[in-house]
Amino acid sequence: MGDLKLTVNYKKEYRRIRRLTSNIEKKLSSEFGLTEDQVAEFKEAFMLFDKDEDGTITMAELGVVMRSLGQTLSEGELQNMVNEVDQDGNGTIEFNEFLQMMSKKMKDGEDELKEA
């Protein structure tokens, strides 16, 4: 009987967390002008970049990502990339800062297409 009660509690907690996550994704999508699907895709990308799963992308993690994309950047260039979006000045990129960066890159790409 105790196991059944635990299972029910876990299911309730899981549903509660999913609702909260959905609400956060909706807020972020409206804040950055992205669809909920885009926010979810960027979350997956962020999690891939965040190798140590601490909720931030460090300059070292960013360097690994950039090298995997065929771009070898200097430490100064990586630092500049971090500094561009690091709103709280802690030297890392949190998810909301990552979304801001990706949203800006998408908008810049759209603007370039309009100018062409």
PDB file of N, CA and C in Angstrom:
ATOM      1  N   MET A   1       0.827  -1.201   0.000  1.00  0.00           N
ATOM      2  CA  MET A   1       0.000   0.000   0.000  1.00  0.00           C
ATOM      3  C   MET A   1       0.864   1.255   0.000  1.00  0.00           C
ATOM      4  N   GLY A   2       1.974   1.219   0.761  1.00  0.00           N
ATOM      5  CA  GLY A   2       2.869   2.365   0.833  1.00  0.00           C
ATOM      6  C   GLY A   2       3.486   2.697  -0.517  1.00  0.00           C
ATOM      7  N   ASP A   3       3.836   1.651  -1.309  1.00  0.00           N
ATOM      8  CA  ASP A   3       4.426   1.877  -2.629  1.00  0.00           C
ATOM      9  C   ASP A   3       3.438   2.562  -3.565  1.00  0.00           C
ATOM     10  N   LEU A   4       2.177   2.179  -3.484  1.00  0.00           N
ATOM     11  CA  LEU A   4       1.154   2.792  -4.324  1.00  0.00           C
ATOM     12  C   LEU A   4       1.003   4.274  -3.990  1.00  0.00           C
ATOM     13  N   LYS A   5       1.023   4.596  -2.703  1.00  0.00           N
ATOM     14  CA  LYS A   5       0.905   5.990  -2.281  1.00  0.00           C
ATOM     15  C   LYS A   5       2.099   6.807  -2.790  1.00  0.00           C
ATOM     16  N   LEU A   6       3.304   6.235  -2.716  1.00  0.00           N
ATOM     17  CA  LEU A   6       4.494   6.916  -3.227  1.00  0.00           C
ATOM     18  C   LEU A   6       4.386   7.148  -4.726  1.00  0.00           C
ATOM     19  N   THR A   7       3.905   6.136  -5.453  1.00  0.00           N
ATOM     20  CA  THR A   7       3.750   6.259  -6.903  1.00  0.00           C
ATOM     21  C   THR A   7       2.776   7.375  -7.247  1.00  0.00           C
ATOM     22  N   VAL A   8       1.671   7.443  -6.546  1.00  0.00           N
ATOM     23  CA  VAL A   8       0.680   8.499  -6.772  1.00  0.00           C
ATOM     24  C   VAL A   8       1.296   9.863  -6.477  1.00  0.00           C
ATOM     25  N   ASN A   9       2.044   9.972  -5.373  1.00  0.00           N
ATOM     26  CA  ASN A   9       2.693  11.237  -5.027  1.00  0.00           C
ATOM     27  C   ASN A   9       3.711  11.650  -6.085  1.00  0.00           C
ATOM     28  N   TYR A  10       4.495  10.694  -6.585  1.00  0.00           N
ATOM     29  CA  TYR A  10       5.472  10.998  -7.626  1.00  0.00           C
ATOM     30  C   TYR A  10       4.783  11.485  -8.898  1.00  0.00           C
ATOM     31  N   LYS A  11       3.667  10.844  -9.246  1.00  0.00           N
ATOM     32  CA  LYS A  11       2.939  11.260 -10.447  1.00  0.00           C
ATOM     33  C   LYS A  11       2.388  12.669 -10.284  1.00  0.00           C
ATOM     34  N   LYS A  12       1.856  12.978  -9.109  1.00  0.00           N
ATOM     35  CA  LYS A  12       1.348  14.330  -8.852  1.00  0.00           C
ATOM     36  C   LYS A  12       2.476  15.348  -8.941  1.00  0.00           C
ATOM     37  N   GLU A  13       3.604  15.022  -8.342  1.00  0.00           N
ATOM     38  CA  GLU A  13       4.762  15.925  -8.358  1.00  0.00           C
ATOM     39  C   GLU A  13       5.273  16.114  -9.785  1.00  0.00           C
ATOM     40  N   TYR A  14       5.303  15.034 -10.558  1.00  0.00           N
ATOM     41  CA  TYR A  14       5.742  15.116 -11.950  1.00  0.00           C
ATOM     42  C   TYR A  14       4.823  16.044 -12.743  1.00  0.00           C
ATOM     43  N   ARG A  15       3.513  15.889 -12.570  1.00  0.00           N
ATOM     44  CA  ARG A  15       2.554  16.758 -13.278  1.00  0.00           C
ATOM     45  C   ARG A  15       2.732  18.212 -12.860  1.00  0.00           C
ATOM     46  N   ARG A  16       2.982  18.442 -11.583  1.00  0.00           N
ATOM     47  CA  ARG A  16       3.187  19.803 -11.085  1.00  0.00           C
ATOM     48  C   ARG A  16       4.442  20.419 -11.711  1.00  0.00           C
ATOM     49  N   ILE A  17       5.503  19.648 -11.775  1.00  0.00           N
ATOM     50  CA  ILE A  17       6.748  20.136 -12.373  1.00  0.00           C
ATOM     51  C   ILE A  17       6.555  20.405 -13.861  1.00  0.00           C
ATOM     52  N   ARG A  18       5.846  19.540 -14.559  1.00  0.00           N
ATOM     53  CA  ARG A  18       5.577  19.752 -15.993  1.00  0.00           C
ATOM     54  C   ARG A  18       4.774  21.035 -16.204  1.00  0.00           C
ATOM     55  N   ARG A  19       3.782  21.293 -15.338  1.00  0.00           N
ATOM     56  CA  ARG A  19       2.988  22.533 -15.448  1.00  0.00           C
ATOM     57  C   ARG A  19       3.875  23.750 -15.244  1.00  0.00           C
ATOM     58  N   LEU A  20       4.715  23.694 -14.217  1.00  0.00           N
ATOM     59  CA  LEU A  20       5.631  24.808 -13.948  1.00  0.00           C
ATOM     60  C   LEU A  20       6.582  25.030 -15.115  1.00  0.00           C
ATOM     61  N   THR A  21       7.128  23.945 -15.646  1.00  0.00           N
ATOM     62  CA  THR A  21       8.042  24.043 -16.782  1.00  0.00           C
ATOM     63  C   THR A  21       7.335  24.649 -17.982  1.00  0.00           C
ATOM     64  N   SER A  22       6.118  24.212 -18.229  1.00  0.00           N
ATOM     65  CA  SER A  22       5.344  24.752 -19.346  1.00  0.00           C
ATOM     66  C   SER A  22       5.089  26.244 -19.162  1.00  0.00           C
ATOM     67  N   ASN A  23       4.739  26.642 -17.945  1.00  0.00           N
ATOM     68  CA  ASN A  23       4.505  28.064 -17.672  1.00  0.00           C
ATOM     69  C   ASN A  23       5.771  28.885 -17.876  1.00  0.00           C
ATOM     70  N   ILE A  24       6.899  28.346 -17.450  1.00  0.00           N
ATOM     71  CA  ILE A  24       8.175  29.044 -17.631  1.00  0.00           C
ATOM     72  C   ILE A  24       8.487  29.169 -19.116  1.00  0.00           C
ATOM     73  N   GLU A  25       8.295  28.089 -19.875  1.00  0.00           N
ATOM     74  CA  GLU A  25       8.563  28.132 -21.311  1.00  0.00           C
ATOM     75  C   GLU A  25       7.660  29.145 -22.003  1.00  0.00           C
ATOM     76  N   LYS A  26       6.393  29.236 -21.591  1.00  0.00           N
ATOM     77  CA  LYS A  26       5.483  30.227 -22.173  1.00  0.00           C
ATOM     78  C   LYS A  26       5.961  31.640 -21.876  1.00  0.00           C
ATOM     79  N   LYS A  27       6.378  31.882 -20.640  1.00  0.00           N
ATOM     80  CA  LYS A  27       6.865  33.209 -20.260  1.00  0.00           C
ATOM     81  C   LYS A  27       8.115  33.567 -21.054  1.00  0.00           C
ATOM     82  N   LEU A  28       9.042  32.631 -21.157  1.00  0.00           N
ATOM     83  CA  LEU A  28      10.275  32.882 -21.899  1.00  0.00           C
ATOM     84  C   LEU A  28       9.998  33.104 -23.378  1.00  0.00           C
ATOM     85  N   SER A  29       9.073  32.328 -23.946  1.00  0.00           N
ATOM     86  CA  SER A  29       8.787  32.488 -25.370  1.00  0.00           C
ATOM     87  C   SER A  29       8.207  33.863 -25.653  1.00  0.00           C
ATOM     88  N   SER A  30       7.325  34.355 -24.788  1.00  0.00           N
ATOM     89  CA  SER A  30       6.760  35.689 -25.019  1.00  0.00           C
ATOM     90  C   SER A  30       7.794  36.774 -24.747  1.00  0.00           C
ATOM     91  N   GLU A  31       8.648  36.571 -23.746  1.00  0.00           N
ATOM     92  CA  GLU A  31       9.666  37.570 -23.403  1.00  0.00           C
ATOM     93  C   GLU A  31      10.685  37.752 -24.524  1.00  0.00           C
ATOM     94  N   PHE A  32      11.049  36.666 -25.209  1.00  0.00           N
ATOM     95  CA  PHE A  32      12.090  36.740 -26.224  1.00  0.00           C
ATOM     96  C   PHE A  32      11.547  36.668 -27.646  1.00  0.00           C
ATOM     97  N   GLY A  33      10.230  36.642 -27.808  1.00  0.00           N
ATOM     98  CA  GLY A  33       9.645  36.603 -29.143  1.00  0.00           C
ATOM     99  C   GLY A  33       9.897  35.287 -29.862  1.00  0.00           C
ATOM    100  N   LEU A  34       9.948  34.205 -29.114  1.00  0.00           N
ATOM    101  CA  LEU A  34      10.180  32.882 -29.675  1.00  0.00           C
ATOM    102  C   LEU A  34       8.944  32.023 -29.458  1.00  0.00           C
ATOM    103  N   THR A  35       8.796  30.989 -30.279  1.00  0.00           N
ATOM    104  CA  THR A  35       7.705  30.047 -30.052  1.00  0.00           C
ATOM    105  C   THR A  35       8.102  29.106 -28.912  1.00  0.00           C
ATOM    106  N   GLU A  36       7.125  28.438 -28.341  1.00  0.00           N
ATOM    107  CA  GLU A  36       7.419  27.471 -27.279  1.00  0.00           C
ATOM    108  C   GLU A  36       8.296  26.340 -27.810  1.00  0.00           C
ATOM    109  N   ASP A  37       8.081  25.942 -29.073  1.00  0.00           N
ATOM    110  CA  ASP A  37       8.920  24.905 -29.676  1.00  0.00           C
ATOM    111  C   ASP A  37      10.367  25.371 -29.789  1.00  0.00           C
ATOM    112  N   GLN A  38      10.568  26.637 -30.170  1.00  0.00           N
ATOM    113  CA  GLN A  38      11.929  27.169 -30.264  1.00  0.00           C
ATOM    114  C   GLN A  38      12.597  27.185 -28.893  1.00  0.00           C
ATOM    115  N   VAL A  39      11.855  27.602 -27.875  1.00  0.00           N
ATOM    116  CA  VAL A  39      12.405  27.619 -26.516  1.00  0.00           C
ATOM    117  C   VAL A  39      12.810  26.200 -26.113  1.00  0.00           C
ATOM    118  N   ALA A  40      11.963  25.224 -26.411  1.00  0.00           N
ATOM    119  CA  ALA A  40      12.271  23.829 -26.068  1.00  0.00           C
ATOM    120  C   ALA A  40      13.515  23.346 -26.816  1.00  0.00           C
ATOM    121  N   GLU A  41      13.635  23.707 -28.102  1.00  0.00           N
ATOM    122  CA  GLU A  41      14.815  23.312 -28.882  1.00  0.00           C
ATOM    123  C   GLU A  41      16.079  23.965 -28.326  1.00  0.00           C
ATOM    124  N   PHE A  42      15.984  25.244 -27.974  1.00  0.00           N
ATOM    125  CA  PHE A  42      17.141  25.935 -27.414  1.00  0.00           C
ATOM    126  C   PHE A  42      17.510  25.361 -26.046  1.00  0.00           C
ATOM    127  N   LYS A  43      16.518  24.893 -25.300  1.00  0.00           N
ATOM    128  CA  LYS A  43      16.795  24.261 -24.003  1.00  0.00           C
ATOM    129  C   LYS A  43      17.605  22.980 -24.214  1.00  0.00           C
ATOM    130  N   GLU A  44      17.223  22.199 -25.231  1.00  0.00           N
ATOM    131  CA  GLU A  44      17.974  20.979 -25.540  1.00  0.00           C
ATOM    132  C   GLU A  44      19.407  21.314 -25.930  1.00  0.00           C
ATOM    133  N   ALA A  45      19.576  22.335 -26.776  1.00  0.00           N
ATOM    134  CA  ALA A  45      20.917  22.752 -27.193  1.00  0.00           C
ATOM    135  C   ALA A  45      21.721  23.215 -25.985  1.00  0.00           C
ATOM    136  N   PHE A  46      21.092  24.019 -25.125  1.00  0.00           N
ATOM    137  CA  PHE A  46      21.766  24.523 -23.927  1.00  0.00           C
ATOM    138  C   PHE A  46      22.259  23.360 -23.071  1.00  0.00           C
ATOM    139  N   MET A  47      21.414  22.361 -22.901  1.00  0.00           N
ATOM    140  CA  MET A  47      21.782  21.214 -22.070  1.00  0.00           C
ATOM    141  C   MET A  47      22.946  20.434 -22.686  1.00  0.00           C
ATOM    142  N   LEU A  48      23.027  20.394 -24.021  1.00  0.00           N
ATOM    143  CA  LEU A  48      24.162  19.738 -24.671  1.00  0.00           C
ATOM    144  C   LEU A  48      25.454  20.512 -24.436  1.00  0.00           C
ATOM    145  N   PHE A  49      25.374  21.842 -24.454  1.00  0.00           N
ATOM    146  CA  PHE A  49      26.550  22.684 -24.254  1.00  0.00           C
ATOM    147  C   PHE A  49      27.011  22.657 -22.798  1.00  0.00           C
ATOM    148  N   ASP A  50      26.071  22.540 -21.889  1.00  0.00           N
ATOM    149  CA  ASP A  50      26.355  22.563 -20.447  1.00  0.00           C
ATOM    150  C   ASP A  50      26.850  21.183 -20.015  1.00  0.00           C
ATOM    151  N   LYS A  51      28.102  20.900 -20.332  1.00  0.00           N
ATOM    152  CA  LYS A  51      28.661  19.555 -20.148  1.00  0.00           C
ATOM    153  C   LYS A  51      28.611  19.065 -18.702  1.00  0.00           C
ATOM    154  N   ASP A  52      28.848  19.961 -17.740  1.00  0.00           N
ATOM    155  CA  ASP A  52      28.850  19.519 -16.341  1.00  0.00           C
ATOM    156  C   ASP A  52      27.477  19.636 -15.677  1.00  0.00           C
ATOM    157  N   GLU A  53      26.473  20.019 -16.463  1.00  0.00           N
ATOM    158  CA  GLU A  53      25.076  20.073 -16.022  1.00  0.00           C
ATOM    159  C   GLU A  53      24.868  20.930 -14.780  1.00  0.00           C
ATOM    160  N   ASP A  54      25.587  22.077 -14.718  1.00  0.00           N
ATOM    161  CA  ASP A  54      25.415  22.967 -13.565  1.00  0.00           C
ATOM    162  C   ASP A  54      24.475  24.135 -13.851  1.00  0.00           C
ATOM    163  N   GLY A  55      23.851  24.126 -15.039  1.00  0.00           N
ATOM    164  CA  GLY A  55      22.894  25.176 -15.376  1.00  0.00           C
ATOM    165  C   GLY A  55      23.520  26.410 -15.997  1.00  0.00           C
ATOM    166  N   THR A  56      24.812  26.328 -16.316  1.00  0.00           N
ATOM    167  CA  THR A  56      25.497  27.445 -16.962  1.00  0.00           C
ATOM    168  C   THR A  56      26.421  26.915 -18.055  1.00  0.00           C
ATOM    169  N   ILE A  57      26.722  27.799 -19.003  1.00  0.00           N
ATOM    170  CA  ILE A  57      27.730  27.492 -20.012  1.00  0.00           C
ATOM    171  C   ILE A  57      28.936  28.359 -19.688  1.00  0.00           C
ATOM    172  N   THR A  58      30.042  27.703 -19.386  1.00  0.00           N
ATOM    173  CA  THR A  58      31.271  28.434 -19.076  1.00  0.00           C
ATOM    174  C   THR A  58      31.998  28.767 -20.375  1.00  0.00           C
ATOM    175  N   MET A  59      33.017  29.594 -20.258  1.00  0.00           N
ATOM    176  CA  MET A  59      33.818  29.940 -21.421  1.00  0.00           C
ATOM    177  C   MET A  59      34.462  28.679 -22.009  1.00  0.00           C
ATOM    178  N   ALA A  60      34.919  27.775 -21.149  1.00  0.00           N
ATOM    179  CA  ALA A  60      35.533  26.524 -21.615  1.00  0.00           C
ATOM    180  C   ALA A  60      34.520  25.672 -22.369  1.00  0.00           C
ATOM    181  N   GLU A  61      33.302  25.559 -21.838  1.00  0.00           N
ATOM    182  CA  GLU A  61      32.255  24.776 -22.510  1.00  0.00           C
ATOM    183  C   GLU A  61      31.896  25.411 -23.847  1.00  0.00           C
ATOM    184  N   LEU A  62      31.852  26.735 -23.886  1.00  0.00           N
ATOM    185  CA  LEU A  62      31.563  27.441 -25.135  1.00  0.00           C
ATOM    186  C   LEU A  62      32.663  27.163 -26.159  1.00  0.00           C
ATOM    187  N   GLY A  63      33.911  27.125 -25.704  1.00  0.00           N
ATOM    188  CA  GLY A  63      35.029  26.820 -26.595  1.00  0.00           C
ATOM    189  C   GLY A  63      34.905  25.444 -27.219  1.00  0.00           C
ATOM    190  N   VAL A  64      34.503  24.458 -26.424  1.00  0.00           N
ATOM    191  CA  VAL A  64      34.311  23.093 -26.925  1.00  0.00           C
ATOM    192  C   VAL A  64      33.233  23.086 -28.002  1.00  0.00           C
ATOM    193  N   VAL A  65      32.132  23.778 -27.737  1.00  0.00           N
ATOM    194  CA  VAL A  65      31.027  23.839 -28.697  1.00  0.00           C
ATOM    195  C   VAL A  65      31.492  24.483 -29.996  1.00  0.00           C
ATOM    196  N   MET A  66      32.175  25.612 -29.884  1.00  0.00           N
ATOM    197  CA  MET A  66      32.611  26.332 -31.077  1.00  0.00           C
ATOM    198  C   MET A  66      33.594  25.484 -31.889  1.00  0.00           C
ATOM    199  N   ARG A  67      34.500  24.777 -31.227  1.00  0.00           N
ATOM    200  CA  ARG A  67      35.435  23.903 -31.943  1.00  0.00           C
ATOM    201  C   ARG A  67      34.691  22.772 -32.636  1.00  0.00           C
ATOM    202  N   SER A  68      33.649  22.249 -31.994  1.00  0.00           N
ATOM    203  CA  SER A  68      32.867  21.175 -32.621  1.00  0.00           C
ATOM    204  C   SER A  68      32.128  21.682 -33.856  1.00  0.00           C
ATOM    205  N   LEU A  69      31.913  23.000 -33.913  1.00  0.00           N
ATOM    206  CA  LEU A  69      31.279  23.616 -35.081  1.00  0.00           C
ATOM    207  C   LEU A  69      32.318  24.087 -36.102  1.00  0.00           C
ATOM    208  N   GLY A  70      33.588  23.744 -35.852  1.00  0.00           N
ATOM    209  CA  GLY A  70      34.647  24.085 -36.789  1.00  0.00           C
ATOM    210  C   GLY A  70      35.221  25.480 -36.621  1.00  0.00           C
ATOM    211  N   GLN A  71      34.927  26.131 -35.516  1.00  0.00           N
ATOM    212  CA  GLN A  71      35.430  27.482 -35.276  1.00  0.00           C
ATOM    213  C   GLN A  71      36.355  27.464 -34.063  1.00  0.00           C
ATOM    214  N   THR A  72      37.617  27.773 -34.303  1.00  0.00           N
ATOM    215  CA  THR A  72      38.573  27.858 -33.206  1.00  0.00           C
ATOM    216  C   THR A  72      38.723  29.326 -32.835  1.00  0.00           C
ATOM    217  N   LEU A  73      38.267  29.681 -31.657  1.00  0.00           N
ATOM    218  CA  LEU A  73      38.293  31.070 -31.209  1.00  0.00           C
ATOM    219  C   LEU A  73      39.323  31.239 -30.106  1.00  0.00           C
ATOM    220  N   SER A  74      39.901  32.422 -30.059  1.00  0.00           N
ATOM    221  CA  SER A  74      40.853  32.723 -28.989  1.00  0.00           C
ATOM    222  C   SER A  74      40.095  32.879 -27.674  1.00  0.00           C
ATOM    223  N   GLU A  75      40.844  32.855 -26.584  1.00  0.00           N
ATOM    224  CA  GLU A  75      40.228  33.051 -25.274  1.00  0.00           C
ATOM    225  C   GLU A  75      39.529  34.410 -25.212  1.00  0.00           C
ATOM    226  N   GLY A  76      40.145  35.424 -25.811  1.00  0.00           N
ATOM    227  CA  GLY A  76      39.547  36.762 -25.838  1.00  0.00           C
ATOM    228  C   GLY A  76      38.242  36.798 -26.607  1.00  0.00           C
ATOM    229  N   GLU A  77      38.197  36.087 -27.739  1.00  0.00           N
ATOM    230  CA  GLU A  77      36.966  36.033 -28.534  1.00  0.00           C
ATOM    231  C   GLU A  77      35.856  35.316 -27.771  1.00  0.00           C
ATOM    232  N   LEU A  78      36.216  34.229 -27.100  1.00  0.00           N
ATOM    233  CA  LEU A  78      35.227  33.512 -26.288  1.00  0.00           C
ATOM    234  C   LEU A  78      34.731  34.394 -25.147  1.00  0.00           C
ATOM    235  N   GLN A  79      35.659  35.104 -24.506  1.00  0.00           N
ATOM    236  CA  GLN A  79      35.285  36.000 -23.410  1.00  0.00           C
ATOM    237  C   GLN A  79      34.332  37.081 -23.910  1.00  0.00           C
ATOM    238  N   ASN A  80      34.598  37.619 -25.106  1.00  0.00           N
ATOM    239  CA  ASN A  80      33.707  38.631 -25.683  1.00  0.00           C
ATOM    240  C   ASN A  80      32.314  38.066 -25.924  1.00  0.00           C
ATOM    241  N   MET A  81      32.241  36.817 -26.399  1.00  0.00           N
ATOM    242  CA  MET A  81      30.932  36.186 -26.624  1.00  0.00           C
ATOM    243  C   MET A  81      30.164  36.069 -25.313  1.00  0.00           C
ATOM    244  N   VAL A  82      30.857  35.647 -24.267  1.00  0.00           N
ATOM    245  CA  VAL A  82      30.210  35.520 -22.958  1.00  0.00           C
ATOM    246  C   VAL A  82      29.787  36.897 -22.458  1.00  0.00           C
ATOM    247  N   ASN A  83      30.692  37.868 -22.549  1.00  0.00           N
ATOM    248  CA  ASN A  83      30.405  39.212 -22.038  1.00  0.00           C
ATOM    249  C   ASN A  83      29.206  39.863 -22.719  1.00  0.00           C
ATOM    250  N   GLU A  84      28.988  39.545 -24.005  1.00  0.00           N
ATOM    251  CA  GLU A  84      27.868  40.131 -24.745  1.00  0.00           C
ATOM    252  C   GLU A  84      26.519  39.809 -24.116  1.00  0.00           C
ATOM    253  N   VAL A  85      26.407  38.635 -23.507  1.00  0.00           N
ATOM    254  CA  VAL A  85      25.105  38.209 -22.977  1.00  0.00           C
ATOM    255  C   VAL A  85      25.078  38.018 -21.467  1.00  0.00           C
ATOM    256  N   ASP A  86      26.219  38.114 -20.820  1.00  0.00           N
ATOM    257  CA  ASP A  86      26.318  37.846 -19.381  1.00  0.00           C
ATOM    258  C   ASP A  86      25.760  39.024 -18.583  1.00  0.00           C
ATOM    259  N   GLN A  87      24.444  39.015 -18.384  1.00  0.00           N
ATOM    260  CA  GLN A  87      23.755  40.133 -17.730  1.00  0.00           C
ATOM    261  C   GLN A  87      24.133  40.289 -16.261  1.00  0.00           C
ATOM    262  N   ASP A  88      24.371  39.182 -15.576  1.00  0.00           N
ATOM    263  CA  ASP A  88      24.647  39.272 -14.140  1.00  0.00           C
ATOM    264  C   ASP A  88      26.143  39.359 -13.825  1.00  0.00           C
ATOM    265  N   GLY A  89      26.984  39.318 -14.852  1.00  0.00           N
ATOM    266  CA  GLY A  89      28.410  39.521 -14.668  1.00  0.00           C
ATOM    267  C   GLY A  89      29.150  38.406 -13.950  1.00  0.00           C
ATOM    268  N   ASN A  90      28.580  37.190 -13.958  1.00  0.00           N
ATOM    269  CA  ASN A  90      29.237  36.088 -13.247  1.00  0.00           C
ATOM    270  C   ASN A  90      30.201  35.290 -14.130  1.00  0.00           C
ATOM    271  N   GLY A  91      30.351  35.700 -15.392  1.00  0.00           N
ATOM    272  CA  GLY A  91      31.313  35.051 -16.281  1.00  0.00           C
ATOM    273  C   GLY A  91      30.815  33.791 -16.949  1.00  0.00           C
ATOM    274  N   THR A  92      29.530  33.484 -16.799  1.00  0.00           N
ATOM    275  CA  THR A  92      28.938  32.311 -17.443  1.00  0.00           C
ATOM    276  C   THR A  92      27.641  32.721 -18.131  1.00  0.00           C
ATOM    277  N   ILE A  93      27.118  31.809 -18.947  1.00  0.00           N
ATOM    278  CA  ILE A  93      25.861  32.055 -19.656  1.00  0.00           C
ATOM    279  C   ILE A  93      24.788  31.157 -19.052  1.00  0.00           C
ATOM    280  N   GLU A  94      23.755  31.772 -18.470  1.00  0.00           N
ATOM    281  CA  GLU A  94      22.610  31.024 -17.966  1.00  0.00           C
ATOM    282  C   GLU A  94      21.599  30.878 -19.111  1.00  0.00           C
ATOM    283  N   PHE A  95      20.578  30.048 -18.894  1.00  0.00           N
ATOM    284  CA  PHE A  95      19.636  29.754 -19.970  1.00  0.00           C
ATOM    285  C   PHE A  95      18.941  31.004 -20.492  1.00  0.00           C
ATOM    286  N   ASN A  96      18.493  31.902 -19.603  1.00  0.00           N
ATOM    287  CA  ASN A  96      17.805  33.100 -20.092  1.00  0.00           C
ATOM    288  C   ASN A  96      18.745  33.969 -20.929  1.00  0.00           C
ATOM    289  N   GLU A  97      20.028  34.007 -20.569  1.00  0.00           N
ATOM    290  CA  GLU A  97      21.006  34.761 -21.345  1.00  0.00           C
ATOM    291  C   GLU A  97      21.254  34.082 -22.693  1.00  0.00           C
ATOM    292  N   PHE A  98      21.273  32.754 -22.688  1.00  0.00           N
ATOM    293  CA  PHE A  98      21.427  31.978 -23.917  1.00  0.00           C
ATOM    294  C   PHE A  98      20.251  32.245 -24.857  1.00  0.00           C
ATOM    295  N   LEU A  99      19.039  32.273 -24.301  1.00  0.00           N
ATOM    296  CA  LEU A  99      17.858  32.568 -25.118  1.00  0.00           C
ATOM    297  C   LEU A  99      17.947  33.958 -25.731  1.00  0.00           C
ATOM    298  N   GLN A 100      18.401  34.909 -24.952  1.00  0.00           N
ATOM    299  CA  GLN A 100      18.548  36.272 -25.463  1.00  0.00           C
ATOM    300  C   GLN A 100      19.525  36.280 -26.644  1.00  0.00           C
ATOM    301  N   MET A 101      20.643  35.586 -26.498  1.00  0.00           N
ATOM    302  CA  MET A 101      21.649  35.521 -27.554  1.00  0.00           C
ATOM    303  C   MET A 101      21.073  34.870 -28.808  1.00  0.00           C
ATOM    304  N   MET A 102      20.374  33.749 -28.650  1.00  0.00           N
ATOM    305  CA  MET A 102      19.819  33.035 -29.795  1.00  0.00           C
ATOM    306  C   MET A 102      18.711  33.841 -30.463  1.00  0.00           C
ATOM    307  N   SER A 103      17.888  34.492 -29.677  1.00  0.00           N
ATOM    308  CA  SER A 103      16.818  35.330 -30.208  1.00  0.00           C
ATOM    309  C   SER A 103      17.406  36.467 -31.038  1.00  0.00           C
ATOM    310  N   LYS A 104      18.476  37.078 -30.540  1.00  0.00           N
ATOM    311  CA  LYS A 104      19.136  38.171 -31.261  1.00  0.00           C
ATOM    312  C   LYS A 104      19.741  37.659 -32.563  1.00  0.00           C
ATOM    313  N   LYS A 105      20.390  36.498 -32.516  1.00  0.00           N
ATOM    314  CA  LYS A 105      20.991  35.933 -33.724  1.00  0.00           C
ATOM    315  C   LYS A 105      19.920  35.626 -34.770  1.00  0.00           C
ATOM    316  N   MET A 106      18.773  35.113 -34.339  1.00  0.00           N
ATOM    317  CA  MET A 106      17.684  34.828 -35.275  1.00  0.00           C
ATOM    318  C   MET A 106      17.161  36.121 -35.889  1.00  0.00           C
ATOM    319  N   LYS A 107      16.988  37.151 -35.070  1.00  0.00           N
ATOM    320  CA  LYS A 107      16.496  38.437 -35.559  1.00  0.00           C
ATOM    321  C   LYS A 107      17.499  39.058 -36.522  1.00  0.00           C
ATOM    322  N   ASP A 108      18.793  38.995 -36.185  1.00  0.00           N
ATOM    323  CA  ASP A 108      19.831  39.529 -37.069  1.00  0.00           C
ATOM    324  C   ASP A 108      19.814  38.810 -38.412  1.00  0.00           C
ATOM    325  N   GLY A 109      19.612  37.489 -38.391  1.00  0.00           N
ATOM    326  CA  GLY A 109      19.530  36.709 -39.627  1.00  0.00           C
ATOM    327  C   GLY A 109      18.337  37.111 -40.470  1.00  0.00           C
ATOM    328  N   GLU A 110      17.194  37.349 -39.818  1.00  0.00           N
ATOM    329  CA  GLU A 110      16.000  37.789 -40.540  1.00  0.00           C
ATOM    330  C   GLU A 110      16.220  39.170 -41.145  1.00  0.00           C
ATOM    331  N   ASP A 111      16.867  40.063 -40.401  1.00  0.00           N
ATOM    332  CA  ASP A 111      17.141  41.414 -40.899  1.00  0.00           C
ATOM    333  C   ASP A 111      18.062  41.373 -42.115  1.00  0.00           C
ATOM    334  N   GLU A 112      19.060  40.485 -42.092  1.00  0.00           N
ATOM    335  CA  GLU A 112      19.969  40.353 -43.230  1.00  0.00           C
ATOM    336  C   GLU A 112      19.222  39.873 -44.461  1.00  0.00           C
ATOM    337  N   LEU A 113      18.279  38.951 -44.279  1.00  0.00           N
ATOM    338  CA  LEU A 113      17.486  38.466 -45.407  1.00  0.00           C
ATOM    339  C   LEU A 113      16.625  39.576 -45.994  1.00  0.00           C
ATOM    340  N   LYS A 114      16.056  40.421 -45.135  1.00  0.00           N
ATOM    341  CA  LYS A 114      15.220  41.524 -45.606  1.00  0.00           C
ATOM    342  C   LYS A 114      16.031  42.528 -46.412  1.00  0.00           C
ATOM    343  N   GLU A 115      17.294  42.722 -46.012  1.00  0.00           N
ATOM    344  CA  GLU A 115      18.151  43.686 -46.696  1.00  0.00           C
ATOM    345  C   GLU A 115      18.633  43.165 -48.042  1.00  0.00           C
ATOM    346  N   ALA A 116      18.637  41.853 -48.227  1.00  0.00           N
ATOM    347  CA  ALA A 116      19.163  41.261 -49.469  1.00  0.00           C
ATOM    348  C   ALA A 116      18.237  41.424 -50.643  1.00  0.00           C
TER     349      ALA A 116
END
